[in-house]
Full PDB file with SEQRES, HELIX, SHEET, SSBOND, CRYST1, ORIGX, SCALE, CONECT and MASTER records, all heavy atoms in Angstrom:
SEQRES   1 A   37  LEU ARG SER ARG ARG HIS GLY THR TYR GLY VAL PHE GLN          
SEQRES   2 A   37  GLU LEU ASP PRO ALA GLN ASP GLY ARG ARG ARG ARG PHE          
SEQRES   3 A   37  ARG ARG GLY GLY PHE ASP THR SER ALA LYS ALA                  
SHEET    1 AA1 2 TYR A   9  GLU A  14  0                                        
SHEET    2 AA1 2 ARG A  25  PHE A  31 -1                                        
CRYST1    1.000    1.000    1.000  90.00  90.00  90.00 P 1           1          
ORIGX1      1.000000  0.000000  0.000000        0.00000                         
ORIGX2      0.000000  1.000000  0.000000        0.00000                         
ORIGX3      0.000000  0.000000  1.000000        0.00000                         
SCALE1      1.000000  0.000000  0.000000        0.00000                         
SCALE2      0.000000  1.000000  0.000000        0.00000                         
SCALE3      0.000000  0.000000  1.000000        0.00000                         
ATOM      1  N   LEU A   1     117.295  79.783  85.530  1.00  0.00           N  
ATOM      2  CA  LEU A   1     116.196  80.223  86.342  1.00  0.00           C  
ATOM      3  C   LEU A   1     115.284  79.064  86.735  1.00  0.00           C  
ATOM      4  O   LEU A   1     114.398  79.277  87.588  1.00  0.00           O  
ATOM      5  CB  LEU A   1     115.375  81.307  85.571  1.00  0.00           C  
ATOM      6  CG  LEU A   1     116.041  82.675  85.438  1.00  0.00           C  
ATOM      7  CD1 LEU A   1     115.178  83.585  84.604  1.00  0.00           C  
ATOM      8  CD2 LEU A   1     116.328  83.255  86.810  1.00  0.00           C  
ATOM      9  N   ARG A   2     115.485  77.904  86.170  1.00  0.00           N  
ATOM     10  CA  ARG A   2     114.664  76.768  86.574  1.00  0.00           C  
ATOM     11  C   ARG A   2     114.991  76.410  88.049  1.00  0.00           C  
ATOM     12  O   ARG A   2     114.151  75.777  88.756  1.00  0.00           O  
ATOM     13  CB  ARG A   2     114.926  75.576  85.680  1.00  0.00           C  
ATOM     14  CG  ARG A   2     114.473  75.825  84.235  1.00  0.00           C  
ATOM     15  CD  ARG A   2     114.903  74.697  83.329  1.00  0.00           C  
ATOM     16  NE  ARG A   2     114.575  74.945  81.927  1.00  0.00           N  
ATOM     17  CZ  ARG A   2     114.917  74.133  80.918  1.00  0.00           C  
ATOM     18  NH1 ARG A   2     115.559  73.027  81.199  1.00  0.00           N  
ATOM     19  NH2 ARG A   2     114.555  74.447  79.711  1.00  0.00           N  
ATOM     20  N   SER A   3     116.141  76.764  88.521  1.00  0.00           N  
ATOM     21  CA  SER A   3     116.563  76.558  89.886  1.00  0.00           C  
ATOM     22  C   SER A   3     116.120  77.741  90.745  1.00  0.00           C  
ATOM     23  O   SER A   3     116.405  78.895  90.374  1.00  0.00           O  
ATOM     24  CB  SER A   3     118.075  76.339  89.997  1.00  0.00           C  
ATOM     25  OG  SER A   3     118.473  76.296  91.354  1.00  0.00           O  
ATOM     26  N   ARG A   4     115.468  77.459  91.853  1.00  0.00           N  
ATOM     27  CA  ARG A   4     114.991  78.549  92.715  1.00  0.00           C  
ATOM     28  C   ARG A   4     116.149  79.319  93.377  1.00  0.00           C  
ATOM     29  O   ARG A   4     115.935  80.413  93.871  1.00  0.00           O  
ATOM     30  CB  ARG A   4     114.064  77.995  93.772  1.00  0.00           C  
ATOM     31  CG  ARG A   4     112.755  77.449  93.210  1.00  0.00           C  
ATOM     32  CD  ARG A   4     111.832  77.000  94.307  1.00  0.00           C  
ATOM     33  NE  ARG A   4     110.559  76.494  93.785  1.00  0.00           N  
ATOM     34  CZ  ARG A   4     109.571  76.057  94.603  1.00  0.00           C  
ATOM     35  NH1 ARG A   4     109.734  76.028  95.902  1.00  0.00           N  
ATOM     36  NH2 ARG A   4     108.464  75.643  94.021  1.00  0.00           N  
ATOM     37  N   ARG A   5     117.280  78.722  93.416  1.00  0.00           N  
ATOM     38  CA  ARG A   5     118.420  79.373  94.067  1.00  0.00           C  
ATOM     39  C   ARG A   5     119.153  80.329  93.153  1.00  0.00           C  
ATOM     40  O   ARG A   5     120.048  81.038  93.542  1.00  0.00           O  
ATOM     41  CB  ARG A   5     119.415  78.336  94.559  1.00  0.00           C  
ATOM     42  CG  ARG A   5     118.835  77.419  95.628  1.00  0.00           C  
ATOM     43  CD  ARG A   5     119.882  76.416  96.111  1.00  0.00           C  
ATOM     44  NE  ARG A   5     119.325  75.510  97.135  1.00  0.00           N  
ATOM     45  CZ  ARG A   5     120.024  74.527  97.686  1.00  0.00           C  
ATOM     46  NH1 ARG A   5     121.318  74.345  97.323  1.00  0.00           N  
ATOM     47  NH2 ARG A   5     119.487  73.797  98.649  1.00  0.00           N  
ATOM     48  N   HIS A   6     118.771  80.367  91.861  1.00  0.00           N  
ATOM     49  CA  HIS A   6     119.433  81.244  90.906  1.00  0.00           C  
ATOM     50  C   HIS A   6     118.666  82.526  90.736  1.00  0.00           C  
ATOM     51  O   HIS A   6     117.432  82.513  90.681  1.00  0.00           O  
ATOM     52  CB  HIS A   6     119.553  80.546  89.534  1.00  0.00           C  
ATOM     53  CG  HIS A   6     120.269  81.368  88.539  1.00  0.00           C  
ATOM     54  ND1 HIS A   6     121.614  81.593  88.603  1.00  0.00           N  
ATOM     55  CD2 HIS A   6     119.810  82.012  87.402  1.00  0.00           C  
ATOM     56  CE1 HIS A   6     121.978  82.344  87.567  1.00  0.00           C  
ATOM     57  NE2 HIS A   6     120.907  82.640  86.807  1.00  0.00           N  
ATOM     58  N   GLY A   7     119.397  83.666  90.708  1.00  0.00           N  
ATOM     59  CA  GLY A   7     118.755  84.959  90.507  1.00  0.00           C  
ATOM     60  C   GLY A   7     118.214  85.537  91.804  1.00  0.00           C  
ATOM     61  O   GLY A   7     118.338  84.968  92.930  1.00  0.00           O  
ATOM     62  N   THR A   8     117.551  86.714  91.726  1.00  0.00           N  
ATOM     63  CA  THR A   8     116.950  87.409  92.863  1.00  0.00           C  
ATOM     64  C   THR A   8     115.522  87.740  92.512  1.00  0.00           C  
ATOM     65  O   THR A   8     115.152  87.786  91.346  1.00  0.00           O  
ATOM     66  CB  THR A   8     117.732  88.674  93.174  1.00  0.00           C  
ATOM     67  OG1 THR A   8     117.732  89.543  91.980  1.00  0.00           O  
ATOM     68  CG2 THR A   8     119.170  88.442  93.586  1.00  0.00           C  
ATOM     69  N   TYR A   9     114.786  87.992  93.567  1.00  0.00           N  
ATOM     70  CA  TYR A   9     113.348  88.284  93.426  1.00  0.00           C  
ATOM     71  C   TYR A   9     113.112  89.797  93.543  1.00  0.00           C  
ATOM     72  O   TYR A   9     113.807  90.497  94.292  1.00  0.00           O  
ATOM     73  CB  TYR A   9     112.543  87.558  94.490  1.00  0.00           C  
ATOM     74  CG  TYR A   9     112.570  86.056  94.292  1.00  0.00           C  
ATOM     75  CD1 TYR A   9     113.636  85.240  94.827  1.00  0.00           C  
ATOM     76  CD2 TYR A   9     111.568  85.350  93.587  1.00  0.00           C  
ATOM     77  CE1 TYR A   9     113.618  83.867  94.632  1.00  0.00           C  
ATOM     78  CE2 TYR A   9     111.588  83.981  93.399  1.00  0.00           C  
ATOM     79  CZ  TYR A   9     112.610  83.286  93.934  1.00  0.00           C  
ATOM     80  OH  TYR A   9     112.620  81.882  93.736  1.00  0.00           O  
ATOM     81  N   GLY A  10     112.116  90.268  92.891  1.00  0.00           N  
ATOM     82  CA  GLY A  10     111.664  91.646  92.961  1.00  0.00           C  
ATOM     83  C   GLY A  10     110.191  91.743  93.035  1.00  0.00           C  
ATOM     84  O   GLY A  10     109.435  90.807  92.771  1.00  0.00           O  
ATOM     85  N   VAL A  11     109.732  92.949  93.487  1.00  0.00           N  
ATOM     86  CA  VAL A  11     108.270  93.226  93.600  1.00  0.00           C  
ATOM     87  C   VAL A  11     107.874  94.384  92.711  1.00  0.00           C  
ATOM     88  O   VAL A  11     108.699  95.268  92.441  1.00  0.00           O  
ATOM     89  CB  VAL A  11     107.882  93.526  95.074  1.00  0.00           C  
ATOM     90  CG1 VAL A  11     108.193  92.285  95.947  1.00  0.00           C  
ATOM     91  CG2 VAL A  11     108.638  94.723  95.603  1.00  0.00           C  
ATOM     92  N   PHE A  12     106.660  94.338  92.261  1.00  0.00           N  
ATOM     93  CA  PHE A  12     106.111  95.388  91.430  1.00  0.00           C  
ATOM     94  C   PHE A  12     104.682  95.674  91.876  1.00  0.00           C  
ATOM     95  O   PHE A  12     103.882  94.703  92.036  1.00  0.00           O  
ATOM     96  CB  PHE A  12     106.132  94.973  89.954  1.00  0.00           C  
ATOM     97  CG  PHE A  12     105.441  95.924  89.023  1.00  0.00           C  
ATOM     98  CD1 PHE A  12     106.079  97.028  88.524  1.00  0.00           C  
ATOM     99  CD2 PHE A  12     104.106  95.717  88.711  1.00  0.00           C  
ATOM    100  CE1 PHE A  12     105.454  97.877  87.686  1.00  0.00           C  
ATOM    101  CE2 PHE A  12     103.461  96.589  87.853  1.00  0.00           C  
ATOM    102  CZ  PHE A  12     104.102  97.677  87.317  1.00  0.00           C  
ATOM    103  N   GLN A  13     104.366  96.944  92.152  1.00  0.00           N  
ATOM    104  CA  GLN A  13     103.043  97.308  92.539  1.00  0.00           C  
ATOM    105  C   GLN A  13     102.631  98.631  91.902  1.00  0.00           C  
ATOM    106  O   GLN A  13     103.361  99.602  91.992  1.00  0.00           O  
ATOM    107  CB  GLN A  13     102.965  97.475  94.089  1.00  0.00           C  
ATOM    108  CG  GLN A  13     101.604  97.969  94.606  1.00  0.00           C  
ATOM    109  CD  GLN A  13     100.503  96.976  94.293  1.00  0.00           C  
ATOM    110  OE1 GLN A  13     100.620  95.777  94.653  1.00  0.00           O  
ATOM    111  NE2 GLN A  13      99.409  97.398  93.690  1.00  0.00           N  
ATOM    112  N   GLU A  14     101.472  98.663  91.271  1.00  0.00           N  
ATOM    113  CA  GLU A  14     100.955  99.826  90.635  1.00  0.00           C  
ATOM    114  C   GLU A  14     100.435 100.754  91.701  1.00  0.00           C  
ATOM    115  O   GLU A  14      99.639 100.388  92.586  1.00  0.00           O  
ATOM    116  CB  GLU A  14      99.842  99.486  89.682  1.00  0.00           C  
ATOM    117  CG  GLU A  14      99.391 100.615  88.783  1.00  0.00           C  
ATOM    118  CD  GLU A  14     100.363 100.846  87.612  1.00  0.00           C  
ATOM    119  OE1 GLU A  14     101.096  99.931  87.267  1.00  0.00           O  
ATOM    120  OE2 GLU A  14     100.276 101.971  87.055  1.00  0.00           O  
ATOM    121  N   LEU A  15     100.907 102.009  91.694  1.00  0.00           N  
ATOM    122  CA  LEU A  15     100.462 103.028  92.677  1.00  0.00           C  
ATOM    123  C   LEU A  15      99.349 103.880  92.048  1.00  0.00           C  
ATOM    124  O   LEU A  15      99.079 103.853  90.829  1.00  0.00           O  
ATOM    125  CB  LEU A  15     101.637 103.933  93.092  1.00  0.00           C  
ATOM    126  CG  LEU A  15     102.826 103.186  93.738  1.00  0.00           C  
ATOM    127  CD1 LEU A  15     103.933 104.215  94.032  1.00  0.00           C  
ATOM    128  CD2 LEU A  15     102.416 102.444  94.952  1.00  0.00           C  
ATOM    129  N   ASP A  16      98.731 104.703  92.867  1.00  0.00           N  
ATOM    130  CA  ASP A  16      97.729 105.617  92.363  1.00  0.00           C  
ATOM    131  C   ASP A  16      98.429 106.725  91.592  1.00  0.00           C  
ATOM    132  O   ASP A  16      99.534 107.135  91.908  1.00  0.00           O  
ATOM    133  CB  ASP A  16      96.943 106.231  93.549  1.00  0.00           C  
ATOM    134  CG  ASP A  16      95.989 105.231  94.178  1.00  0.00           C  
ATOM    135  OD1 ASP A  16      94.872 105.081  93.687  1.00  0.00           O  
ATOM    136  OD2 ASP A  16      96.416 104.580  95.177  1.00  0.00           O  
ATOM    137  N   PRO A  17      97.782 107.246  90.539  1.00  0.00           N  
ATOM    138  CA  PRO A  17      98.416 108.259  89.704  1.00  0.00           C  
ATOM    139  C   PRO A  17      98.709 109.494  90.541  1.00  0.00           C  
ATOM    140  O   PRO A  17      98.056 109.820  91.541  1.00  0.00           O  
ATOM    141  CB  PRO A  17      97.342 108.528  88.625  1.00  0.00           C  
ATOM    142  CG  PRO A  17      96.459 107.333  88.605  1.00  0.00           C  
ATOM    143  CD  PRO A  17      96.418 106.818  90.051  1.00  0.00           C  
ATOM    144  N   ALA A  18      99.691 110.236  90.063  1.00  0.00           N  
ATOM    145  CA  ALA A  18     100.064 111.492  90.712  1.00  0.00           C  
ATOM    146  C   ALA A  18      99.007 112.545  90.445  1.00  0.00           C  
ATOM    147  O   ALA A  18      98.086 112.323  89.605  1.00  0.00           O  
ATOM    148  CB  ALA A  18     101.406 111.981  90.212  1.00  0.00           C  
ATOM    149  N   GLN A  19      99.105 113.709  91.071  1.00  0.00           N  
ATOM    150  CA  GLN A  19      98.071 114.728  90.900  1.00  0.00           C  
ATOM    151  C   GLN A  19      98.026 115.257  89.469  1.00  0.00           C  
ATOM    152  O   GLN A  19      97.016 115.726  88.996  1.00  0.00           O  
ATOM    153  CB  GLN A  19      98.361 115.884  91.834  1.00  0.00           C  
ATOM    154  CG  GLN A  19      98.259 115.504  93.351  1.00  0.00           C  
ATOM    155  CD  GLN A  19      98.420 116.651  94.268  1.00  0.00           C  
ATOM    156  OE1 GLN A  19      98.149 117.807  93.929  1.00  0.00           O  
ATOM    157  NE2 GLN A  19      98.914 116.400  95.460  1.00  0.00           N  
ATOM    158  N   ASP A  20      99.165 115.149  88.759  1.00  0.00           N  
ATOM    159  CA  ASP A  20      99.193 115.614  87.370  1.00  0.00           C  
ATOM    160  C   ASP A  20      98.843 114.434  86.397  1.00  0.00           C  
ATOM    161  O   ASP A  20      98.966 114.613  85.168  1.00  0.00           O  
ATOM    162  CB  ASP A  20     100.595 116.143  87.001  1.00  0.00           C  
ATOM    163  CG  ASP A  20     101.705 115.119  87.276  1.00  0.00           C  
ATOM    164  OD1 ASP A  20     101.405 114.026  87.745  1.00  0.00           O  
ATOM    165  OD2 ASP A  20     102.889 115.460  87.056  1.00  0.00           O  
ATOM    166  N   GLY A  21      98.386 113.298  86.922  1.00  0.00           N  
ATOM    167  CA  GLY A  21      97.974 112.174  86.086  1.00  0.00           C  
ATOM    168  C   GLY A  21      99.111 111.242  85.752  1.00  0.00           C  
ATOM    169  O   GLY A  21      98.875 110.255  85.043  1.00  0.00           O  
ATOM    170  N   ARG A  22     100.309 111.515  86.202  1.00  0.00           N  
ATOM    171  CA  ARG A  22     101.464 110.659  85.838  1.00  0.00           C  
ATOM    172  C   ARG A  22     101.283 109.294  86.510  1.00  0.00           C  
ATOM    173  O   ARG A  22     100.973 109.174  87.651  1.00  0.00           O  
ATOM    174  CB  ARG A  22     102.724 111.367  86.318  1.00  0.00           C  
ATOM    175  CG  ARG A  22     103.987 110.547  86.104  1.00  0.00           C  
ATOM    176  CD  ARG A  22     105.215 111.435  86.450  1.00  0.00           C  
ATOM    177  NE  ARG A  22     105.043 112.100  87.738  1.00  0.00           N  
ATOM    178  CZ  ARG A  22     105.354 111.559  88.889  1.00  0.00           C  
ATOM    179  NH1 ARG A  22     105.830 110.337  88.937  1.00  0.00           N  
ATOM    180  NH2 ARG A  22     105.208 112.210  90.044  1.00  0.00           N  
ATOM    181  N   ARG A  23     101.626 108.275  85.738  1.00  0.00           N  
ATOM    182  CA  ARG A  23     101.593 106.857  86.230  1.00  0.00           C  
ATOM    183  C   ARG A  23     102.800 106.613  87.134  1.00  0.00           C  
ATOM    184  O   ARG A  23     103.899 107.025  86.834  1.00  0.00           O  
ATOM    185  CB  ARG A  23     101.598 105.886  85.026  1.00  0.00           C  
ATOM    186  CG  ARG A  23     101.392 104.421  85.433  1.00  0.00           C  
ATOM    187  CD  ARG A  23     101.413 103.510  84.219  1.00  0.00           C  
ATOM    188  NE  ARG A  23     101.239 102.147  84.559  1.00  0.00           N  
ATOM    189  CZ  ARG A  23     101.307 101.136  83.684  1.00  0.00           C  
ATOM    190  NH1 ARG A  23     101.575 101.385  82.397  1.00  0.00           N  
ATOM    191  NH2 ARG A  23     101.108  99.904  84.091  1.00  0.00           N  
ATOM    192  N   ARG A  24     102.510 105.910  88.222  1.00  0.00           N  
ATOM    193  CA  ARG A  24     103.551 105.628  89.184  1.00  0.00           C  
ATOM    194  C   ARG A  24     103.554 104.129  89.568  1.00  0.00           C  
ATOM    195  O   ARG A  24     102.497 103.506  89.643  1.00  0.00           O  
ATOM    196  CB  ARG A  24     103.379 106.457  90.454  1.00  0.00           C  
ATOM    197  CG  ARG A  24     103.464 107.971  90.162  1.00  0.00           C  
ATOM    198  CD  ARG A  24     103.400 108.758  91.452  1.00  0.00           C  
ATOM    199  NE  ARG A  24     102.114 108.732  92.120  1.00  0.00           N  
ATOM    200  CZ  ARG A  24     101.796 109.393  93.189  1.00  0.00           C  
ATOM    201  NH1 ARG A  24     102.688 110.183  93.755  1.00  0.00           N  
ATOM    202  NH2 ARG A  24     100.573 109.319  93.712  1.00  0.00           N  
ATOM    203  N   ARG A  25     104.768 103.611  89.844  1.00  0.00           N  
ATOM    204  CA  ARG A  25     104.938 102.198  90.204  1.00  0.00           C  
ATOM    205  C   ARG A  25     105.916 102.100  91.365  1.00  0.00           C  
ATOM    206  O   ARG A  25     106.796 102.888  91.484  1.00  0.00           O  
ATOM    207  CB  ARG A  25     105.452 101.379  89.042  1.00  0.00           C  
ATOM    208  CG  ARG A  25     104.623 101.472  87.760  1.00  0.00           C  
ATOM    209  CD  ARG A  25     105.329 100.721  86.636  1.00  0.00           C  
ATOM    210  NE  ARG A  25     104.625 100.884  85.329  1.00  0.00           N  
ATOM    211  CZ  ARG A  25     104.814 101.895  84.502  1.00  0.00           C  
ATOM    212  NH1 ARG A  25     105.663 102.869  84.839  1.00  0.00           N  
ATOM    213  NH2 ARG A  25     104.180 101.931  83.418  1.00  0.00           N  
ATOM    214  N   PHE A  26     105.680 101.077  92.150  1.00  0.00           N  
ATOM    215  CA  PHE A  26     106.630 100.742  93.235  1.00  0.00           C  
ATOM    216  C   PHE A  26     107.423  99.539  92.787  1.00  0.00           C  
ATOM    217  O   PHE A  26     106.855  98.416  92.586  1.00  0.00           O  
ATOM    218  CB  PHE A  26     105.922 100.429  94.540  1.00  0.00           C  
ATOM    219  CG  PHE A  26     106.863 100.114  95.703  1.00  0.00           C  
ATOM    220  CD1 PHE A  26     107.305 101.114  96.524  1.00  0.00           C  
ATOM    221  CD2 PHE A  26     107.269  98.809  95.911  1.00  0.00           C  
ATOM    222  CE1 PHE A  26     108.158 100.819  97.566  1.00  0.00           C  
ATOM    223  CE2 PHE A  26     108.095  98.484  96.949  1.00  0.00           C  
ATOM    224  CZ  PHE A  26     108.575  99.496  97.769  1.00  0.00           C  
ATOM    225  N   ARG A  27     108.722  99.703  92.556  1.00  0.00           N  
ATOM    226  CA  ARG A  27     109.595  98.595  92.162  1.00  0.00           C  
ATOM    227  C   ARG A  27     110.710  98.449  93.172  1.00  0.00           C  
ATOM    228  O   ARG A  27     111.319  99.453  93.605  1.00  0.00           O  
ATOM    229  CB  ARG A  27     110.212  98.899  90.769  1.00  0.00           C  
ATOM    230  CG  ARG A  27     109.235  98.882  89.608  1.00  0.00           C  
ATOM    231  CD  ARG A  27     109.976  99.208  88.307  1.00  0.00           C  
ATOM    232  NE  ARG A  27     109.080  99.291  87.197  1.00  0.00           N  
ATOM    233  CZ  ARG A  27     108.743  98.234  86.431  1.00  0.00           C  
ATOM    234  NH1 ARG A  27     109.222  97.032  86.696  1.00  0.00           N  
ATOM    235  NH2 ARG A  27     107.968  98.388  85.410  1.00  0.00           N  
ATOM    236  N   ARG A  28     110.994  97.234  93.520  1.00  0.00           N  
ATOM    237  CA  ARG A  28     112.122  96.973  94.420  1.00  0.00           C  
ATOM    238  C   ARG A  28     112.570  95.539  94.219  1.00  0.00           C  
ATOM    239  O   ARG A  28     111.772  94.594  94.168  1.00  0.00           O  
ATOM    240  CB  ARG A  28     111.745  97.188  95.845  1.00  0.00           C  
ATOM    241  CG  ARG A  28     112.853  96.992  96.858  1.00  0.00           C  
ATOM    242  CD  ARG A  28     112.612  97.756  98.109  1.00  0.00           C  
ATOM    243  NE  ARG A  28     112.732  99.189  97.875  1.00  0.00           N  
ATOM    244  CZ  ARG A  28     112.497 100.129  98.787  1.00  0.00           C  
ATOM    245  NH1 ARG A  28     112.152  99.755 100.053  1.00  0.00           N  
ATOM    246  NH2 ARG A  28     112.658 101.406  98.538  1.00  0.00           N  
ATOM    247  N   GLY A  29     113.895  95.311  94.065  1.00  0.00           N  
ATOM    248  CA  GLY A  29     114.443  94.031  93.807  1.00  0.00           C  
ATOM    249  C   GLY A  29     115.562  93.704  94.824  1.00  0.00           C  
ATOM    250  O   GLY A  29     115.835  94.407  95.746  1.00  0.00           O  
ATOM    251  N   GLY A  30     116.261  92.571  94.488  1.00  0.00           N  
ATOM    252  CA  GLY A  30     117.400  92.162  95.315  1.00  0.00           C  
ATOM    253  C   GLY A  30     117.041  91.213  96.453  1.00  0.00           C  
ATOM    254  O   GLY A  30     117.893  91.014  97.354  1.00  0.00           O  
ATOM    255  N   PHE A  31     115.838  90.667  96.487  1.00  0.00           N  
ATOM    256  CA  PHE A  31     115.449  89.748  97.569  1.00  0.00           C  
ATOM    257  C   PHE A  31     115.960  88.349  97.275  1.00  0.00           C  
ATOM    258  O   PHE A  31     115.852  87.826  96.141  1.00  0.00           O  
ATOM    259  CB  PHE A  31     113.919  89.722  97.708  1.00  0.00           C  
ATOM    260  CG  PHE A  31     113.346  91.076  98.072  1.00  0.00           C  
ATOM    261  CD1 PHE A  31     112.771  91.863  97.099  1.00  0.00           C  
ATOM    262  CD2 PHE A  31     113.436  91.525  99.392  1.00  0.00           C  
ATOM    263  CE1 PHE A  31     112.265  93.090  97.409  1.00  0.00           C  
ATOM    264  CE2 PHE A  31     112.879  92.759  99.685  1.00  0.00           C  
ATOM    265  CZ  PHE A  31     112.305  93.580  98.714  1.00  0.00           C  
ATOM    266  N   ASP A  32     116.505  87.703  98.297  1.00  0.00           N  
ATOM    267  CA  ASP A  32     117.093  86.393  98.096  1.00  0.00           C  
ATOM    268  C   ASP A  32     116.048  85.288  97.865  1.00  0.00           C  
ATOM    269  O   ASP A  32     116.256  84.319  97.148  1.00  0.00           O  
ATOM    270  CB  ASP A  32     117.929  85.975  99.322  1.00  0.00           C  
ATOM    271  CG  ASP A  32     119.111  86.930  99.511  1.00  0.00           C  
ATOM    272  OD1 ASP A  32     119.555  87.541  98.522  1.00  0.00           O  
ATOM    273  OD2 ASP A  32     119.597  87.082 100.661  1.00  0.00           O  
ATOM    274  N   THR A  33     114.904  85.424  98.555  1.00  0.00           N  
ATOM    275  CA  THR A  33     113.854  84.410  98.461  1.00  0.00           C  
ATOM    276  C   THR A  33     112.531  85.049  98.058  1.00  0.00           C  
ATOM    277  O   THR A  33     112.364  86.265  98.266  1.00  0.00           O  
ATOM    278  CB  THR A  33     113.698  83.662  99.790  1.00  0.00           C  
ATOM    279  OG1 THR A  33     113.257  84.624 100.771  1.00  0.00           O  
ATOM    280  CG2 THR A  33     115.010  83.033 100.173  1.00  0.00           C  
ATOM    281  N   SER A  34     111.625  84.245  97.586  1.00  0.00           N  
ATOM    282  CA  SER A  34     110.338  84.738  97.207  1.00  0.00           C  
ATOM    283  C   SER A  34     109.526  85.148  98.482  1.00  0.00           C  
ATOM    284  O   SER A  34     108.670  86.017  98.447  1.00  0.00           O  
ATOM    285  CB  SER A  34     109.571  83.686  96.444  1.00  0.00           C  
ATOM    286  OG  SER A  34     109.369  82.509  97.189  1.00  0.00           O  
ATOM    287  N   ALA A  35     109.834  84.521  99.612  1.00  0.00           N  
ATOM    288  CA  ALA A  35     109.128  84.840 100.842  1.00  0.00           C  
ATOM    289  C   ALA A  35     109.438  86.273 101.292  1.00  0.00           C  
ATOM    290  O   ALA A  35     108.571  87.018 101.724  1.00  0.00           O  
ATOM    291  CB  ALA A  35     109.527  83.848 101.952  1.00  0.00           C  
ATOM    292  N   LYS A  36     110.704  86.665 101.195  1.00  0.00           N  
ATOM    293  CA  LYS A  36     111.110  88.035 101.542  1.00  0.00           C  
ATOM    294  C   LYS A  36     110.449  89.055 100.565  1.00  0.00           C  
ATOM    295  O   LYS A  36     110.003  90.125 100.998  1.00  0.00           O  
ATOM    296  CB  LYS A  36     112.603  88.166 101.519  1.00  0.00           C  
ATOM    297  CG  LYS A  36     113.262  87.415 102.646  1.00  0.00           C  
ATOM    298  CD  LYS A  36     114.791  87.578 102.629  1.00  0.00           C  
ATOM    299  CE  LYS A  36     115.497  86.845 103.699  1.00  0.00           C  
ATOM    300  NZ  LYS A  36     116.964  87.031 103.685  1.00  0.00           N  
ATOM    301  N   ALA A  37     110.418  88.672  99.319  1.00  0.00           N  
ATOM    302  CA  ALA A  37     109.755  89.589  98.341  1.00  0.00           C  
ATOM    303  C   ALA A  37     108.259  89.737  98.644  1.00  0.00           C  
ATOM    304  O   ALA A  37     107.722  90.785  98.553  1.00  0.00           O  
ATOM    305  CB  ALA A  37     109.991  89.048  96.947  1.00  0.00           C  
TER     306      ALA A  37                                                      
MASTER        0    0    0    0    2    0    0    6  305    1    0    3          
END                                                                             
């Protein structure tokens, strides 16, 4: 992982809770570069 070309990038964002109070997150990975992520 010390090499930027190894592995893929992903994003994580905390969403607002659902109406029942359930915690929600936005997760998505598989990006080739950090710029795309």
